[in-house]
N, C-alpha and C. Protein backbone atom coordinates (compact mmCIF):
# COMPACT_ATOMS: atom_id res chain seq x y z
N MET A 1 38.84 6.65 65.88
CA MET A 1 38.34 6.12 64.60
C MET A 1 38.59 7.00 63.47
N VAL A 2 38.47 8.33 63.70
CA VAL A 2 38.72 9.41 62.68
C VAL A 2 39.93 10.18 63.10
N ASN A 3 40.87 10.30 62.19
CA ASN A 3 42.09 11.10 62.41
C ASN A 3 42.15 12.23 61.44
N PRO A 4 41.84 13.46 61.97
CA PRO A 4 42.03 14.55 61.04
C PRO A 4 43.49 14.83 60.83
N ASP A 5 43.92 14.99 59.66
CA ASP A 5 45.34 15.43 59.32
C ASP A 5 45.47 16.83 59.49
N ARG A 6 46.24 17.25 60.46
CA ARG A 6 46.30 18.64 60.88
C ARG A 6 46.93 19.57 59.77
N ASP A 7 47.70 18.99 58.90
CA ASP A 7 48.29 19.77 57.83
C ASP A 7 47.37 20.27 56.89
N ASN A 8 46.33 19.53 56.38
CA ASN A 8 45.47 19.93 55.42
C ASN A 8 43.95 19.68 55.62
N ASN A 9 43.61 19.51 56.87
CA ASN A 9 42.24 19.13 57.27
C ASN A 9 41.62 17.96 56.56
N ASN A 10 42.54 17.04 56.18
CA ASN A 10 42.01 15.83 55.56
C ASN A 10 41.48 14.84 56.59
N LEU A 11 40.32 14.32 56.30
CA LEU A 11 39.69 13.42 57.25
C LEU A 11 40.03 11.99 56.86
N LYS A 12 40.50 11.21 57.83
CA LYS A 12 40.94 9.86 57.48
C LYS A 12 40.34 8.95 58.55
N LEU A 13 39.74 7.81 58.10
CA LEU A 13 39.25 6.84 58.95
C LEU A 13 40.34 5.85 59.31
N ASP A 14 40.31 5.38 60.51
CA ASP A 14 41.18 4.32 60.96
C ASP A 14 40.38 3.02 60.52
N GLN A 15 40.85 2.43 59.46
CA GLN A 15 40.07 1.28 58.94
C GLN A 15 39.79 0.17 59.87
N ARG A 16 40.82 -0.14 60.64
CA ARG A 16 40.61 -1.35 61.61
C ARG A 16 39.61 -0.93 62.64
N LYS A 17 39.77 0.19 63.22
CA LYS A 17 38.81 0.61 64.26
C LYS A 17 37.42 0.72 63.71
N PHE A 18 37.28 1.28 62.60
CA PHE A 18 35.99 1.54 61.91
C PHE A 18 35.30 0.14 61.74
N ALA A 19 36.08 -0.76 61.17
CA ALA A 19 35.48 -2.13 60.88
C ALA A 19 35.15 -2.84 62.19
N GLU A 20 35.94 -2.70 63.24
CA GLU A 20 35.65 -3.29 64.58
C GLU A 20 34.36 -2.67 65.13
N MET A 21 34.22 -1.38 65.00
CA MET A 21 32.97 -0.65 65.52
C MET A 21 31.72 -1.18 64.80
N VAL A 22 31.92 -1.31 63.42
CA VAL A 22 30.69 -1.75 62.63
C VAL A 22 30.24 -3.19 63.09
N VAL A 23 31.30 -4.06 63.23
CA VAL A 23 30.99 -5.42 63.63
C VAL A 23 30.34 -5.47 64.97
N ALA A 24 30.90 -4.69 65.95
CA ALA A 24 30.46 -4.71 67.25
C ALA A 24 28.99 -4.22 67.37
N SER A 25 28.60 -3.33 66.44
CA SER A 25 27.33 -2.67 66.54
C SER A 25 26.27 -3.55 65.86
N HIS A 26 26.68 -4.53 65.12
CA HIS A 26 25.73 -5.33 64.29
C HIS A 26 25.32 -6.62 65.04
N GLN A 27 24.05 -6.90 65.10
CA GLN A 27 23.51 -8.08 65.76
C GLN A 27 23.30 -9.16 64.77
N VAL A 28 23.75 -10.34 64.92
CA VAL A 28 23.54 -11.51 64.17
C VAL A 28 22.63 -12.49 64.90
N ALA A 29 21.58 -12.99 64.19
CA ALA A 29 20.68 -13.98 64.91
C ALA A 29 21.42 -15.12 65.55
N ASP A 30 21.08 -15.41 66.79
CA ASP A 30 21.79 -16.51 67.48
C ASP A 30 21.19 -17.84 67.10
N ASP A 31 20.21 -17.87 66.24
CA ASP A 31 19.67 -19.20 65.84
C ASP A 31 20.54 -19.73 64.78
N LEU A 32 21.58 -19.13 64.24
CA LEU A 32 22.40 -19.57 63.23
C LEU A 32 23.41 -20.45 63.92
N ASP A 33 24.07 -21.29 63.00
CA ASP A 33 25.16 -22.10 63.58
C ASP A 33 26.41 -21.15 63.72
N PRO A 34 27.34 -21.54 64.54
CA PRO A 34 28.44 -20.71 64.85
C PRO A 34 29.30 -20.23 63.51
N GLU A 35 29.43 -21.15 62.63
CA GLU A 35 30.18 -20.85 61.39
C GLU A 35 29.46 -19.78 60.58
N ALA A 36 28.14 -19.90 60.45
CA ALA A 36 27.39 -18.88 59.75
C ALA A 36 27.57 -17.46 60.40
N ILE A 37 27.50 -17.48 61.75
CA ILE A 37 27.73 -16.15 62.48
C ILE A 37 29.04 -15.57 62.13
N VAL A 38 30.06 -16.45 62.17
CA VAL A 38 31.44 -15.97 61.96
C VAL A 38 31.59 -15.47 60.59
N LYS A 39 31.00 -16.17 59.62
CA LYS A 39 31.07 -15.84 58.26
C LYS A 39 30.50 -14.43 58.01
N ARG A 40 29.32 -14.23 58.62
CA ARG A 40 28.57 -12.87 58.48
C ARG A 40 29.46 -11.78 59.10
N LYS A 41 30.00 -12.10 60.25
CA LYS A 41 30.82 -11.07 60.94
C LYS A 41 32.08 -10.74 60.12
N LEU A 42 32.72 -11.73 59.54
CA LEU A 42 33.92 -11.58 58.74
C LEU A 42 33.59 -10.77 57.53
N THR A 43 32.45 -11.12 56.78
CA THR A 43 32.02 -10.36 55.60
C THR A 43 31.81 -8.89 56.00
N LEU A 44 31.08 -8.64 57.11
CA LEU A 44 30.81 -7.29 57.55
C LEU A 44 32.10 -6.56 57.91
N TYR A 45 33.08 -7.23 58.49
CA TYR A 45 34.36 -6.54 58.88
C TYR A 45 35.13 -6.20 57.64
N LEU A 46 35.26 -7.10 56.63
CA LEU A 46 36.00 -6.81 55.46
C LEU A 46 35.32 -5.71 54.57
N THR A 47 33.98 -5.76 54.53
CA THR A 47 33.28 -4.77 53.76
C THR A 47 33.57 -3.34 54.42
N ALA A 48 33.42 -3.31 55.75
CA ALA A 48 33.68 -2.01 56.44
C ALA A 48 35.09 -1.48 56.22
N TYR A 49 36.01 -2.40 56.36
CA TYR A 49 37.37 -2.16 56.26
C TYR A 49 37.73 -1.51 54.86
N TYR A 50 37.29 -2.21 53.82
CA TYR A 50 37.64 -1.78 52.50
C TYR A 50 36.77 -0.54 52.07
N LEU A 51 35.59 -0.35 52.62
CA LEU A 51 34.80 0.83 52.47
C LEU A 51 35.54 2.04 53.04
N ALA A 52 36.11 1.93 54.21
CA ALA A 52 36.85 2.99 54.82
C ALA A 52 38.11 3.29 54.05
N GLU A 53 38.68 2.24 53.47
CA GLU A 53 39.90 2.42 52.66
C GLU A 53 39.53 3.20 51.40
N ARG A 54 38.34 2.86 50.75
CA ARG A 54 37.93 3.65 49.54
C ARG A 54 37.65 5.09 49.93
N PHE A 55 37.01 5.30 51.15
CA PHE A 55 36.74 6.67 51.51
C PHE A 55 38.04 7.51 51.69
N ASN A 56 38.95 6.90 52.44
CA ASN A 56 40.24 7.51 52.64
C ASN A 56 41.00 7.93 51.31
N ASN A 57 40.98 6.97 50.33
CA ASN A 57 41.53 7.32 49.08
C ASN A 57 40.79 8.54 48.34
N LEU A 58 39.50 8.54 48.49
CA LEU A 58 38.75 9.69 47.92
C LEU A 58 39.13 10.94 48.65
N GLU A 59 39.10 10.94 49.95
CA GLU A 59 39.54 12.07 50.76
C GLU A 59 40.93 12.57 50.26
N ASP A 60 41.88 11.69 50.26
CA ASP A 60 43.27 12.08 49.88
C ASP A 60 43.32 12.66 48.46
N ALA A 61 42.60 12.14 47.52
CA ALA A 61 42.51 12.70 46.17
C ALA A 61 41.93 14.11 46.20
N HIS A 62 40.88 14.29 46.98
CA HIS A 62 40.26 15.55 47.06
C HIS A 62 41.12 16.59 47.63
N PHE A 63 41.78 16.30 48.74
CA PHE A 63 42.67 17.35 49.42
C PHE A 63 43.96 17.56 48.72
N LYS A 64 44.36 16.67 47.94
CA LYS A 64 45.58 16.85 47.16
C LYS A 64 45.25 17.68 45.89
N GLY A 65 43.97 17.97 45.66
CA GLY A 65 43.55 18.70 44.45
C GLY A 65 43.52 17.88 43.18
N GLU A 66 43.60 16.60 43.32
CA GLU A 66 43.52 15.72 42.18
C GLU A 66 42.15 15.55 41.52
N ILE A 67 41.11 16.00 42.23
CA ILE A 67 39.78 15.95 41.73
C ILE A 67 39.02 17.20 42.13
N SER A 68 38.12 17.67 41.37
CA SER A 68 37.40 18.85 41.61
C SER A 68 36.37 18.64 42.79
N ASN A 69 35.81 19.70 43.31
CA ASN A 69 34.84 19.55 44.29
C ASN A 69 33.53 18.92 43.78
N ASP A 70 33.12 19.30 42.56
CA ASP A 70 32.01 18.63 41.98
C ASP A 70 32.15 17.16 41.74
N HIS A 71 33.34 16.76 41.28
CA HIS A 71 33.60 15.38 41.01
C HIS A 71 33.67 14.67 42.34
N TYR A 72 34.28 15.29 43.38
CA TYR A 72 34.30 14.76 44.77
C TYR A 72 32.91 14.43 45.23
N GLN A 73 32.01 15.39 45.11
CA GLN A 73 30.63 15.19 45.59
C GLN A 73 29.94 14.07 44.80
N LYS A 74 30.16 14.01 43.56
CA LYS A 74 29.65 12.86 42.77
C LYS A 74 30.17 11.59 43.20
N LEU A 75 31.49 11.50 43.52
CA LEU A 75 32.06 10.22 43.99
C LEU A 75 31.55 9.78 45.38
N LEU A 76 31.37 10.82 46.25
CA LEU A 76 30.77 10.51 47.56
C LEU A 76 29.37 9.91 47.41
N GLN A 77 28.59 10.55 46.50
CA GLN A 77 27.29 9.89 46.26
C GLN A 77 27.35 8.56 45.76
N GLN A 78 28.28 8.30 44.82
CA GLN A 78 28.45 6.94 44.29
C GLN A 78 28.96 5.99 45.41
N LEU A 79 29.76 6.43 46.31
CA LEU A 79 30.18 5.64 47.46
C LEU A 79 29.02 5.28 48.26
N LYS A 80 28.04 6.21 48.45
CA LYS A 80 26.88 6.00 49.23
C LYS A 80 25.96 4.97 48.56
N ASP A 81 25.79 5.11 47.27
CA ASP A 81 24.78 4.37 46.51
C ASP A 81 25.28 2.92 46.09
N ASP A 82 26.60 2.83 45.76
CA ASP A 82 27.12 1.58 45.28
C ASP A 82 27.26 0.57 46.28
N LYS A 83 27.06 -0.77 45.97
CA LYS A 83 27.38 -1.80 46.86
C LYS A 83 28.83 -2.29 46.64
N PHE A 84 29.40 -2.99 47.59
CA PHE A 84 30.75 -3.38 47.58
C PHE A 84 31.05 -4.12 46.32
N GLY A 85 30.18 -5.02 45.86
CA GLY A 85 30.37 -5.78 44.69
C GLY A 85 30.35 -4.98 43.39
N ASP A 86 29.81 -3.75 43.44
CA ASP A 86 29.78 -2.80 42.29
C ASP A 86 31.11 -2.26 41.94
N TRP A 87 32.02 -2.27 42.85
CA TRP A 87 33.33 -1.61 42.56
C TRP A 87 34.45 -2.59 42.82
């Protein structure tokens, strides 16, 4: 799921594997109809996938020196606090 880039110690998430892990670890109530279950799982998968992509882009920018360490910490906090719809 996580692939450290050996050249610059950049941490990179495998977006697909991360999203699959999140979906597999999440329980959906079985009293829902099958379509509702699938929609929730799909929403969860896509949210996890694109959140991992956003994290990877932030990591790349940080390790390429495009953003300062203070700005990186601020963006990590924002990543933690913001909801998918906020960005």
